[in-house]
Amino acid sequence: MNQIEAIRELQEYDHCFLSPKGVKKLGEPFGVYQTVIARDNRSEFKGLNLGKDNKEGDTAEGLPAHILAELICKKLGVDYPSMHGIGSQLRACCEAVEKQLTK
């Protein structure tokens, strides 16, 4: 997978929590890898849903897609606008990276 393919795929993971395998797949073309332990708090406003195999309060290792996008921007030195929603932030970062890569 090249960088363009990776950033385009990452942009499709709106509000998603990526597994370590997903983080590696999409971050590897950029030399980026980081995970955290996150807690499912889906009942909170704009809370994180870790997926159908988890319930409120469960924890899992991985990384929210918008955080991976921000890490990629920082690694490449790409400026991007700060957005309030995580879906908007993911799109803003991915669009900025794709614009930089296709110059």
C-alpha atoms as a PDB file:
ATOM      1  CA  MET A   1       0.000   0.000   0.000  1.00  0.00           C
ATOM      2  CA  ASN A   2       1.393   3.399  -0.934  1.00  0.00           C
ATOM      3  CA  GLN A   3       0.790   6.682   0.909  1.00  0.00           C
ATOM      4  CA  ILE A   4      -2.038   7.884  -1.350  1.00  0.00           C
ATOM      5  CA  GLU A   5      -3.899   4.583  -0.985  1.00  0.00           C
ATOM      6  CA  ALA A   6      -3.377   4.620   2.787  1.00  0.00           C
ATOM      7  CA  ILE A   7      -4.625   8.177   3.336  1.00  0.00           C
ATOM      8  CA  ARG A   8      -7.655   7.603   1.104  1.00  0.00           C
ATOM      9  CA  GLU A   9      -8.550   4.443   3.006  1.00  0.00           C
ATOM     10  CA  LEU A  10      -7.991   6.137   6.367  1.00  0.00           C
ATOM     11  CA  GLN A  11     -10.432   8.885   5.370  1.00  0.00           C
ATOM     12  CA  GLU A  12     -13.165   6.231   5.104  1.00  0.00           C
ATOM     13  CA  TYR A  13     -12.864   5.323   8.820  1.00  0.00           C
ATOM     14  CA  ASP A  14     -15.007   8.181  10.110  1.00  0.00           C
ATOM     15  CA  HIS A  15     -15.507   7.889  13.904  1.00  0.00           C
ATOM     16  CA  CYS A  16     -13.685   4.531  13.921  1.00  0.00           C
ATOM     17  CA  PHE A  17     -11.317   3.026  16.434  1.00  0.00           C
ATOM     18  CA  LEU A  18      -8.567   1.147  14.604  1.00  0.00           C
ATOM     19  CA  SER A  19      -7.062  -2.067  15.920  1.00  0.00           C
ATOM     20  CA  PRO A  20      -3.256  -2.274  16.227  1.00  0.00           C
ATOM     21  CA  LYS A  21      -3.298  -4.182  12.919  1.00  0.00           C
ATOM     22  CA  GLY A  22      -5.260  -1.366  11.257  1.00  0.00           C
ATOM     23  CA  VAL A  23      -2.953   1.294  12.696  1.00  0.00           C
ATOM     24  CA  LYS A  24       0.050  -0.590  11.346  1.00  0.00           C
ATOM     25  CA  LYS A  25      -1.491  -1.086   7.893  1.00  0.00           C
ATOM     26  CA  LEU A  26      -2.467   2.564   7.424  1.00  0.00           C
ATOM     27  CA  GLY A  27       0.395   4.185   9.324  1.00  0.00           C
ATOM     28  CA  GLU A  28       3.258   2.086   7.971  1.00  0.00           C
ATOM     29  CA  PRO A  29       3.518   3.907   4.611  1.00  0.00           C
ATOM     30  CA  PHE A  30       4.210   7.073   6.626  1.00  0.00           C
ATOM     31  CA  GLY A  31       6.433   5.521   9.294  1.00  0.00           C
ATOM     32  CA  VAL A  32       3.786   6.169  11.961  1.00  0.00           C
ATOM     33  CA  TYR A  33       2.656   3.723  14.631  1.00  0.00           C
ATOM     34  CA  GLN A  34       1.118   4.423  18.014  1.00  0.00           C
ATOM     35  CA  THR A  35      -1.605   2.784  20.071  1.00  0.00           C
ATOM     36  CA  VAL A  36      -3.420   3.593  23.300  1.00  0.00           C
ATOM     37  CA  ILE A  37      -5.758   1.745  25.606  1.00  0.00           C
ATOM     38  CA  ALA A  38      -9.196   3.303  25.172  1.00  0.00           C
ATOM     39  CA  ARG A  39     -12.440   2.866  27.096  1.00  0.00           C
ATOM     40  CA  ASP A  40     -15.815   2.449  25.403  1.00  0.00           C
ATOM     41  CA  ASN A  41     -17.959   5.395  26.518  1.00  0.00           C
ATOM     42  CA  ARG A  42     -20.569   5.219  23.777  1.00  0.00           C
ATOM     43  CA  SER A  43     -23.351   6.606  25.990  1.00  0.00           C
ATOM     44  CA  GLU A  44     -21.528   9.937  26.429  1.00  0.00           C
ATOM     45  CA  PHE A  45     -22.025  12.785  23.959  1.00  0.00           C
ATOM     46  CA  LYS A  46     -19.616  12.103  21.071  1.00  0.00           C
ATOM     47  CA  GLY A  47     -18.366   9.080  23.022  1.00  0.00           C
ATOM     48  CA  LEU A  48     -16.151   6.354  21.635  1.00  0.00           C
ATOM     49  CA  ASN A  49     -17.735   3.112  20.466  1.00  0.00           C
ATOM     50  CA  LEU A  50     -15.172   0.304  20.319  1.00  0.00           C
ATOM     51  CA  GLY A  51     -17.397  -1.844  18.130  1.00  0.00           C
ATOM     52  CA  LYS A  52     -19.988  -4.581  18.290  1.00  0.00           C
ATOM     53  CA  ASP A  53     -17.741  -6.982  20.221  1.00  0.00           C
ATOM     54  CA  ASN A  54     -17.426  -4.498  23.103  1.00  0.00           C
ATOM     55  CA  LYS A  55     -19.830  -2.915  25.551  1.00  0.00           C
ATOM     56  CA  GLU A  56     -19.837   0.283  27.588  1.00  0.00           C
ATOM     57  CA  GLY A  57     -16.811   0.355  29.905  1.00  0.00           C
ATOM     58  CA  ASP A  58     -14.734  -2.217  27.974  1.00  0.00           C
ATOM     59  CA  THR A  59     -11.209  -1.284  26.969  1.00  0.00           C
ATOM     60  CA  ALA A  60      -9.232  -2.090  23.842  1.00  0.00           C
ATOM     61  CA  GLU A  61      -5.850  -1.298  22.320  1.00  0.00           C
ATOM     62  CA  GLY A  62      -5.720   0.715  19.116  1.00  0.00           C
ATOM     63  CA  LEU A  63      -6.101   4.308  17.988  1.00  0.00           C
ATOM     64  CA  PRO A  64      -8.970   6.530  16.861  1.00  0.00           C
ATOM     65  CA  ALA A  65      -8.698   7.157  13.099  1.00  0.00           C
ATOM     66  CA  HIS A  66      -8.610  10.944  13.485  1.00  0.00           C
ATOM     67  CA  ILE A  67      -5.628  10.704  15.851  1.00  0.00           C
ATOM     68  CA  LEU A  68      -3.717   8.574  13.334  1.00  0.00           C
ATOM     69  CA  ALA A  69      -4.488  11.196  10.674  1.00  0.00           C
ATOM     70  CA  GLU A  70      -3.142  13.951  12.954  1.00  0.00           C
ATOM     71  CA  LEU A  71       0.027  11.942  13.642  1.00  0.00           C
ATOM     72  CA  ILE A  72       0.562  11.504   9.894  1.00  0.00           C
ATOM     73  CA  CYS A  73       0.144  15.255   9.340  1.00  0.00           C
ATOM     74  CA  LYS A  74       2.649  16.023  12.067  1.00  0.00           C
ATOM     75  CA  LYS A  75       5.153  13.468  10.742  1.00  0.00           C
ATOM     76  CA  LEU A  76       4.944  14.976   7.235  1.00  0.00           C
ATOM     77  CA  GLY A  77       4.896  18.577   8.492  1.00  0.00           C
ATOM     78  CA  VAL A  78       1.507  19.183   6.873  1.00  0.00           C
ATOM     79  CA  ASP A  79      -0.616  21.991   8.299  1.00  0.00           C
ATOM     80  CA  TYR A  80      -4.316  21.256   8.744  1.00  0.00           C
ATOM     81  CA  PRO A  81      -7.249  23.171  10.206  1.00  0.00           C
ATOM     82  CA  SER A  82      -8.409  22.346  13.717  1.00  0.00           C
ATOM     83  CA  MET A  83     -11.982  21.071  13.714  1.00  0.00           C
ATOM     84  CA  HIS A  84     -14.456  20.439  16.564  1.00  0.00           C
ATOM     85  CA  GLY A  85     -15.850  17.057  15.505  1.00  0.00           C
ATOM     86  CA  ILE A  86     -13.663  13.986  15.112  1.00  0.00           C
ATOM     87  CA  GLY A  87     -15.140  13.148  11.707  1.00  0.00           C
ATOM     88  CA  SER A  88     -14.438  16.668  10.475  1.00  0.00           C
ATOM     89  CA  GLN A  89     -10.937  16.492  11.924  1.00  0.00           C
ATOM     90  CA  LEU A  90     -10.241  13.185  10.162  1.00  0.00           C
ATOM     91  CA  ARG A  91     -11.370  14.606   6.807  1.00  0.00           C
ATOM     92  CA  ALA A  92      -9.412  17.846   7.251  1.00  0.00           C
ATOM     93  CA  CYS A  93      -6.181  15.992   8.046  1.00  0.00           C
ATOM     94  CA  CYS A  94      -6.586  13.423   5.273  1.00  0.00           C
ATOM     95  CA  GLU A  95      -7.434  16.090   2.697  1.00  0.00           C
ATOM     96  CA  ALA A  96      -4.370  18.138   3.706  1.00  0.00           C
ATOM     97  CA  VAL A  97      -2.093  15.086   3.402  1.00  0.00           C
ATOM     98  CA  GLU A  98      -3.558  14.056   0.048  1.00  0.00           C
ATOM     99  CA  LYS A  99      -3.149  17.599  -1.277  1.00  0.00           C
ATOM    100  CA  GLN A 100       0.501  17.586  -0.198  1.00  0.00           C
ATOM    101  CA  LEU A 101       1.142  14.166  -1.744  1.00  0.00           C
ATOM    102  CA  THR A 102      -0.435  15.046  -5.092  1.00  0.00           C
ATOM    103  CA  LYS A 103       1.377  18.357  -5.630  1.00  0.00           C
END
